C-alpha cells in the first residue's frame, strides 16, 4: 500500500487499494449495494476502519443518476416497537421531525439483519438509534458513507466521537435513594435492568452512592436483575426478599419492572407502602394506573426523541456552518412522589 502523505485525508482510492478492489466497488459498498459479495463487503469495511476513511463534512456518496440531493427523511432505528417508553420516544422524534419538514422511516434492527446496508441504500438525512447497540464496524460503515447517527441512551460505550443523548441516570438513582432514606428506610433492595447496560449501571451506582453517603454506611443495598421484564422483575424481587426479608423499600430501575415488584409483594401478603415502599424510574403512563400509584423518577422520554432530532440536524450542518458537534447531551431527571412510598415501618419484622 502506498504511504499516505502526512496530514492528508484518506480517500476512496486508498480504501480500494487497501481492500484490493476498485473505487466503484468501494463506492457501491458504501451505498449499501446488494450486488457485492459478503467477502468483498467485509474487506472494504475493514479497509475503511484501517485507513480511517470518512466522508468530509457528512457529505453522502451519490448514487448513480441521483441528482436530488438529500431527501427529507431520517431513519429511526429501533430493536422493537413495543412498550410505553419506546412509544413516547418515537412520538417525540415524529413530532420534532414533522416540525422540521422531515418524514421518519422506522427501521427494525434485528440482530441478524444487515440494517446498516438498508440505511445506506436510502438517501436519508441521518439516523437515530433507540435501544440499538451498533458494533464498531457498523459505526464505521455509517461514518464512511457520511451518515450521521445519534444514539438515545446507548446500552454500551459508543466509539469515540459518536453522538448520543440521554438522561441523568446516575442522578436519578441518587434522588430515588435520597427519597427513601428521608422516609427512614435503611434496608433497601434494587431491581436493576441488565448488568451490561450503561444506563442500568448508572442508576444503580447513583442509588448506592447516595445510600452510602447519606447514611454513613448504615444502609444496606441488595441488587438483583430483572432484565427490563415484569416477570423477571417479580422473580428478582423474590430473590431479594429471600436474601433479606427485612427489606422495607425497593427501587425498580424501570416502571415496567416496578409492576413485577408489586406482583411479588402481593403474592407474599405484603402491602405497598405500609410494609414495603416501591419507587420506579421513567414516569410512564402505567405509573399513574397501578394501585397504589407509583412514586417514580421521571425521565423526559418524549423530549429525548425531540432533542435527538435537533442534535442530528446540527450534525448534518457540521463543518459547513461551523457547528460544534457535542458527543453527549443529558436531560435532567426529577422525582415524582405518589402513593407507593411511605415511612419505614418501625421495628419491621423479618418476613418469610
Protein backbone atom coordinates (compact mmCIF):
# COMPACT_ATOMS: atom_id res chain seq x y z
CA UNK A 1 0.00 0.00 0.00
CA UNK A 2 1.32 3.44 -0.93
CA UNK A 3 2.08 5.64 2.07
CA UNK A 4 -0.39 8.46 2.67
CA UNK A 5 1.14 11.95 2.80
CA UNK A 6 1.23 13.35 6.33
CA UNK A 7 -1.84 15.44 7.13
CA UNK A 8 -3.84 14.25 4.11
CA UNK A 9 -7.31 12.74 4.37
CA UNK A 10 -7.90 9.08 3.47
CA UNK A 11 -9.55 8.74 0.05
CA UNK A 12 -11.75 6.18 -1.68
CA UNK A 13 -8.71 5.25 -3.77
CA UNK A 14 -6.77 4.43 -0.61
CA UNK A 15 -9.65 2.32 0.69
CA UNK A 16 -9.84 0.47 -2.63
CA UNK A 17 -6.07 -0.13 -2.70
CA UNK A 18 -6.12 -1.40 0.90
CA UNK A 19 -9.08 -3.70 0.21
CA UNK A 20 -7.63 -4.95 -3.08
CA UNK A 21 -10.64 -3.83 -5.10
CA UNK A 22 -11.81 -0.89 -7.23
CA UNK A 23 -13.11 2.57 -6.34
CA UNK A 24 -16.56 1.82 -7.90
CA UNK A 25 -16.82 -1.29 -5.73
CA UNK A 26 -15.94 0.68 -2.59
CA UNK A 27 -18.49 3.30 -3.53
CA UNK A 28 -21.10 0.59 -4.10
CA UNK A 29 -20.45 -0.94 -0.66
CA UNK A 30 -20.77 2.45 0.99
CA UNK A 31 -24.11 2.98 -0.77
CA UNK A 32 -25.41 -0.32 0.62
CA UNK A 33 -25.39 -2.03 -2.77
CA UNK A 34 -26.71 -5.59 -2.74
CA UNK A 35 -24.71 -6.91 -5.71
CA UNK A 36 -21.49 -7.20 -3.70
CA UNK A 37 -20.32 -10.42 -2.08
CA UNK A 38 -20.21 -10.65 1.71
CA UNK A 39 -16.46 -11.28 1.48
CA UNK A 40 -15.84 -8.13 -0.56
CA UNK A 41 -18.09 -6.07 1.70
CA UNK A 42 -16.14 -7.25 4.75
CA UNK A 43 -12.80 -6.42 3.09
CA UNK A 44 -13.98 -2.92 2.18
CA UNK A 45 -15.30 -2.20 5.67
CA UNK A 46 -12.10 -3.47 7.24
CA UNK A 47 -10.13 -1.18 4.91
CA UNK A 48 -12.39 1.73 5.89
CA UNK A 49 -11.59 1.05 9.52
CA UNK A 50 -7.88 0.58 8.87
CA UNK A 51 -7.33 3.83 6.97
CA UNK A 52 -9.88 5.85 8.96
CA UNK A 53 -11.91 6.92 5.94
CA UNK A 54 -14.93 9.22 6.48
CA UNK A 55 -16.84 11.49 4.16
CA UNK A 56 -15.89 15.17 4.56
CA UNK A 57 -18.44 17.25 6.43
CA UNK A 58 -21.01 14.48 6.46
CA UNK A 59 -21.39 14.59 2.66
CA UNK A 60 -23.07 11.47 1.34
CA UNK A 61 -21.82 9.34 -1.53
CA UNK A 62 -24.00 9.96 -4.53
CA UNK A 63 -25.92 7.14 -6.11
CA UNK A 64 -25.59 6.94 -9.89
CA UNK A 65 -28.09 9.19 -11.63
CA UNK A 66 -29.32 10.71 -8.38
CA UNK A 67 -29.37 14.47 -8.63
CA UNK A 68 -31.96 15.13 -5.99
CA UNK A 69 -29.57 15.55 -3.06
CA UNK A 70 -30.61 14.60 0.45
CA UNK A 71 -34.23 13.65 0.84
CA UNK A 72 -36.33 15.00 3.67
CA UNK A 73 -36.09 11.70 5.53
CA UNK A 74 -34.49 10.49 8.71
CA UNK A 75 -34.11 6.87 9.80
CA UNK A 76 -35.30 5.84 13.25
CA UNK A 77 -33.59 2.57 14.09
CA UNK A 78 -35.19 0.50 16.86
CA UNK A 79 -34.91 -3.04 18.20
CA UNK A 80 -38.62 -3.19 18.99
CA UNK A 81 -41.72 -1.02 18.86
CA UNK A 82 -43.46 -2.40 21.95
CA UNK A 83 -43.62 -0.63 25.30
CA UNK A 84 -44.71 2.77 26.56
CA UNK A 85 -41.17 4.17 26.77
CA UNK A 86 -40.36 3.35 23.15
CA UNK A 87 -43.70 4.80 22.05
CA UNK A 88 -43.04 8.07 23.88
CA UNK A 89 -39.58 8.43 22.33
CA UNK A 90 -40.91 7.63 18.85
CA UNK A 91 -43.65 10.24 19.35
CA UNK A 92 -41.02 12.84 20.26
CA UNK A 93 -38.98 12.01 17.17
CA UNK A 94 -42.05 12.15 14.94
CA UNK A 95 -43.31 15.48 16.24
CA UNK A 96 -39.96 17.24 16.01
CA UNK A 97 -39.25 15.75 12.58
CA UNK A 98 -42.64 16.93 11.29
CA UNK A 99 -41.99 20.42 12.64
CA UNK A 100 -38.71 20.42 10.69
CA UNK A 101 -40.39 19.23 7.49
CA UNK A 102 -38.91 15.73 7.74
CA UNK A 103 -40.50 12.31 7.36
CA UNK A 104 -39.46 9.37 9.54
CA UNK A 105 -38.66 5.86 8.31
CA UNK A 106 -38.82 3.18 11.02
CA UNK A 107 -36.07 0.57 10.65
CA UNK A 108 -36.18 -2.60 12.73
CA UNK A 109 -32.66 -3.64 13.72
CA UNK A 110 -32.96 -7.39 14.09
CA UNK A 111 -29.71 -8.85 15.45
CA UNK A 112 -29.21 -10.99 12.35
CA UNK A 113 -30.25 -8.38 9.78
CA UNK A 114 -27.99 -6.05 7.79
CA UNK A 115 -29.87 -2.93 8.84
CA UNK A 116 -26.87 -0.70 8.10
CA UNK A 117 -26.96 -1.54 4.39
CA UNK A 118 -30.67 -0.70 4.33
CA UNK A 119 -29.83 2.73 5.76
CA UNK A 120 -27.06 3.26 3.19
CA UNK A 121 -29.44 2.49 0.32
CA UNK A 122 -31.81 5.24 1.44
CA UNK A 123 -30.84 8.86 0.93
CA UNK A 124 -31.83 10.00 4.40
CA UNK A 125 -30.61 12.96 6.40
CA UNK A 126 -29.19 10.65 9.06
CA UNK A 127 -30.21 8.10 11.68
CA UNK A 128 -31.38 8.00 15.28
CA UNK A 129 -30.87 4.76 17.22
CA UNK A 130 -33.16 3.74 20.09
CA UNK A 131 -32.21 0.71 22.21
CA UNK A 132 -29.67 -0.12 19.50
CA UNK A 133 -26.12 -1.22 20.24
CA UNK A 134 -24.18 -0.83 16.97
CA UNK A 135 -20.84 -2.55 16.58
CA UNK A 136 -17.68 -0.63 15.71
CA UNK A 137 -17.90 -1.99 12.17
CA UNK A 138 -21.46 -0.69 11.80
CA UNK A 139 -20.43 2.73 13.09
CA UNK A 140 -17.50 2.76 10.66
CA UNK A 141 -19.80 1.92 7.74
CA UNK A 142 -22.18 4.76 8.55
CA UNK A 143 -19.38 7.24 9.16
CA UNK A 144 -17.59 6.29 5.95
CA UNK A 145 -20.78 6.82 3.96
CA UNK A 146 -21.37 10.20 5.59
CA UNK A 147 -24.48 9.10 7.52
CA UNK A 148 -24.56 10.84 10.91
CA UNK A 149 -26.15 8.86 13.75
CA UNK A 150 -27.42 9.91 17.18
CA UNK A 151 -27.88 7.23 19.83
CA UNK A 152 -30.54 7.66 22.51
CA UNK A 153 -29.11 6.39 25.82
CA UNK A 154 -26.70 3.84 24.30
CA UNK A 155 -26.52 0.45 26.00
CA UNK A 156 -22.72 0.29 25.86
CA UNK A 157 -19.94 2.84 25.45
CA UNK A 158 -20.09 4.14 21.85
CA UNK A 159 -16.94 4.76 19.81
CA UNK A 160 -15.07 7.98 20.43
CA UNK A 161 -16.83 10.94 18.85
CA UNK A 162 -20.18 9.18 18.40
CA UNK A 163 -23.08 11.45 19.27
CA UNK A 164 -25.55 10.40 21.95
CA UNK A 165 -28.30 11.88 24.06
CA UNK A 166 -29.70 10.50 27.29
CA UNK A 167 -30.86 11.40 30.76
CA UNK A 168 -29.08 11.92 34.06
CA UNK A 169 -29.35 8.27 35.08
CA UNK A 170 -26.84 8.45 37.93
CA UNK A 171 -28.61 11.45 39.41
CA UNK A 172 -31.95 9.68 39.01
CA UNK A 173 -30.68 6.77 41.09
CA UNK A 174 -29.36 9.21 43.66
CA UNK A 175 -32.65 11.06 44.14
CA UNK A 176 -34.52 7.74 44.40
CA UNK A 177 -32.26 6.66 47.26
CA UNK A 178 -32.41 10.03 48.99
CA UNK A 179 -36.21 9.94 48.93
CA UNK A 180 -36.32 6.50 50.54
CA UNK A 181 -33.67 7.40 53.12
CA UNK A 182 -35.61 10.54 54.05
CA UNK A 183 -38.52 8.25 54.94
CA UNK A 184 -36.35 6.25 57.30
CA UNK A 185 -35.63 3.24 55.09
CA UNK A 186 -32.26 1.60 55.75
CA UNK A 187 -32.62 -1.89 54.25
CA UNK A 188 -33.01 -1.29 50.56
CA UNK A 189 -33.46 -3.50 47.51
CA UNK A 190 -32.77 -2.66 43.87
CA UNK A 191 -34.27 -4.45 40.89
CA UNK A 192 -31.82 -3.41 38.16
CA UNK A 193 -32.24 -3.89 34.43
CA UNK A 194 -29.19 -5.56 32.90
CA UNK A 195 -25.66 -5.56 34.28
CA UNK A 196 -24.21 -4.79 30.82
CA UNK A 197 -26.34 -1.72 30.10
CA UNK A 198 -24.77 1.66 30.87
CA UNK A 199 -27.99 3.31 31.98
CA UNK A 200 -28.84 0.43 34.34
CA UNK A 201 -25.39 0.56 35.92
CA UNK A 202 -25.59 4.34 36.28
CA UNK A 203 -28.94 4.17 38.09
CA UNK A 204 -27.66 1.52 40.48
CA UNK A 205 -24.39 3.38 41.08
CA UNK A 206 -26.20 6.64 41.86
CA UNK A 207 -28.51 4.81 44.25
CA UNK A 208 -25.60 3.09 46.03
CA UNK A 209 -23.60 6.31 46.29
CA UNK A 210 -26.49 8.17 47.94
CA UNK A 211 -27.17 5.31 50.33
CA UNK A 212 -23.53 5.12 51.39
CA UNK A 213 -23.12 8.88 51.74
CA UNK A 214 -26.40 9.88 53.40
CA UNK A 215 -26.46 7.04 55.90
CA UNK A 216 -22.71 7.00 56.65
CA UNK A 217 -22.66 3.35 55.66
CA UNK A 218 -25.65 2.45 57.86
CA UNK A 219 -27.93 1.48 54.98
CA UNK A 220 -27.71 -1.84 53.14
CA UNK A 221 -28.37 -2.19 49.42
CA UNK A 222 -29.12 -5.57 47.81
CA UNK A 223 -29.30 -5.82 43.99
CA UNK A 224 -30.98 -8.35 41.70
CA UNK A 225 -31.59 -8.15 37.95
CA UNK A 226 -34.98 -8.10 36.23
CA UNK A 227 -33.78 -7.63 32.62
CA UNK A 228 -36.41 -4.89 31.99
CA UNK A 229 -39.16 -7.52 32.16
CA UNK A 230 -42.17 -7.68 34.51
CA UNK A 231 -41.97 -11.43 35.12
CA UNK A 232 -38.20 -11.44 35.66
CA UNK A 233 -38.53 -8.42 37.95
CA UNK A 234 -41.04 -10.35 40.03
CA UNK A 235 -38.54 -13.22 40.32
CA UNK A 236 -35.75 -10.76 41.19
CA UNK A 237 -37.89 -9.30 43.98
CA UNK A 238 -38.45 -12.79 45.33
CA UNK A 239 -34.69 -13.29 45.37
CA UNK A 240 -34.13 -10.01 47.21
CA UNK A 241 -36.66 -10.81 49.93
CA UNK A 242 -35.33 -14.33 50.40
CA UNK A 243 -31.84 -12.90 50.83
CA UNK A 244 -33.02 -10.14 53.20
CA UNK A 245 -36.62 -10.45 54.46
CA UNK A 246 -36.15 -7.17 56.35
CA UNK A 247 -36.05 -5.01 53.20
CA UNK A 248 -38.52 -2.13 53.58
CA UNK A 249 -38.09 -0.38 50.23
CA UNK A 250 -37.37 -1.44 46.63
CA UNK A 251 -36.08 0.71 43.78
CA UNK A 252 -37.05 -0.68 40.37
CA UNK A 253 -34.89 0.75 37.59
CA UNK A 254 -37.93 0.90 35.26
CA UNK A 255 -41.64 1.38 35.88
CA UNK A 256 -42.40 -1.79 33.93
CA UNK A 257 -40.31 -3.75 36.43
CA UNK A 258 -41.96 -1.97 39.36
CA UNK A 259 -45.19 -3.69 38.34
CA UNK A 260 -43.37 -7.00 38.74
CA UNK A 261 -42.22 -5.89 42.19
CA UNK A 262 -45.88 -5.26 43.09
CA UNK A 263 -46.76 -8.77 41.88
CA UNK A 264 -44.31 -10.45 44.24
CA UNK A 265 -45.13 -8.27 47.24
CA UNK A 266 -48.84 -9.04 46.90
CA UNK A 267 -48.14 -12.75 46.48
CA UNK A 268 -46.23 -12.64 49.77
CA UNK A 269 -49.02 -10.76 51.53
CA UNK A 270 -47.05 -7.52 51.82
CA UNK A 271 -48.72 -4.12 51.47
CA UNK A 272 -47.41 -1.16 49.47
CA UNK A 273 -46.28 1.14 51.06
CA UNK A 274 -47.19 0.05 54.60
CA UNK A 275 -44.82 -2.93 54.55
CA UNK A 276 -42.57 -2.17 51.58
CA UNK A 277 -42.22 1.11 49.69
CA UNK A 278 -41.64 0.93 45.94
CA UNK A 279 -40.13 3.55 43.64
CA UNK A 280 -39.70 3.24 39.88
CA UNK A 281 -37.90 5.02 37.04
CA UNK A 282 -39.39 6.50 33.84
CA UNK A 283 -42.78 8.01 34.79
CA UNK A 284 -44.66 6.04 32.15
CA UNK A 285 -48.47 6.16 31.96
CA UNK A 286 -48.54 2.87 33.89
CA UNK A 287 -47.13 4.65 36.94
CA UNK A 288 -50.41 6.52 37.28
CA UNK A 289 -52.58 3.49 36.58
CA UNK A 290 -51.24 0.96 39.09
CA UNK A 291 -52.56 0.83 42.64
CA UNK A 292 -51.15 2.36 44.69
CA UNK A 293 -49.98 4.99 42.22
CA UNK A 294 -46.23 4.66 41.70
CA UNK A 295 -43.64 7.09 43.01
CA UNK A 296 -41.02 7.28 40.31
CA UNK A 297 -38.07 9.16 38.82
CA UNK A 298 -39.26 10.94 35.71
CA UNK A 299 -37.13 10.90 32.60
CA UNK A 300 -38.34 13.18 29.78
CA UNK A 301 -38.92 10.41 27.23
CA UNK A 302 -40.73 12.45 24.58
CA UNK A 303 -38.19 15.24 24.93
CA UNK A 304 -35.40 12.71 24.35
CA UNK A 305 -36.79 11.93 20.91
CA UNK A 306 -37.27 15.59 20.03
CA UNK A 307 -33.78 16.60 21.17
CA UNK A 308 -32.25 13.72 19.24
CA UNK A 309 -33.75 15.13 16.04
CA UNK A 310 -32.36 18.59 16.85
CA UNK A 311 -28.91 17.11 17.52
CA UNK A 312 -28.99 15.13 14.29
CA UNK A 313 -29.81 18.28 12.32
CA UNK A 314 -26.85 20.02 13.96
CA UNK A 315 -24.60 17.15 12.92
CA UNK A 316 -25.74 17.44 9.30
CA UNK A 317 -24.80 21.14 9.25
CA UNK A 318 -21.38 20.19 10.59
CA UNK A 319 -18.29 21.87 9.24
CA UNK A 320 -20.17 23.94 6.67
CA UNK A 321 -21.72 26.15 9.36
CA UNK A 322 -19.02 25.78 11.98
CA UNK A 323 -21.36 23.91 14.34
CA UNK A 324 -19.62 22.22 17.25
CA UNK A 325 -20.69 18.60 17.45
CA UNK A 326 -21.48 17.57 21.03
CA UNK A 327 -20.53 14.00 21.86
CA UNK A 328 -23.07 13.63 24.66
CA UNK A 329 -26.13 15.51 25.85
CA UNK A 330 -28.04 14.76 29.06
CA UNK A 331 -31.53 15.79 30.09
CA UNK A 332 -32.50 16.18 33.74
CA UNK A 333 -34.42 13.63 35.79
CA UNK A 334 -36.80 14.51 38.61
CA UNK A 335 -38.68 12.80 41.44
CA UNK A 336 -42.46 12.36 41.15
CA UNK A 337 -43.94 11.41 44.53
CA UNK A 338 -47.17 9.44 44.56
CA UNK A 339 -48.65 6.82 46.89
CA UNK A 340 -46.24 3.87 46.72
CA UNK A 341 -43.67 5.26 49.16
CA UNK A 342 -44.12 5.99 52.85
CA UNK A 343 -42.29 5.92 56.18
CA UNK A 344 -40.41 2.77 57.06
CA UNK A 345 -42.39 0.62 59.49
CA UNK A 346 -40.86 0.87 62.92
CA UNK A 347 -39.27 -2.34 64.09
CA UNK A 348 -40.11 -4.08 60.81
CA UNK A 349 -40.22 -7.80 61.42
CA UNK A 350 -38.23 -10.19 59.31
CA UNK A 351 -40.56 -11.80 56.80
CA UNK A 352 -40.67 -15.23 55.27
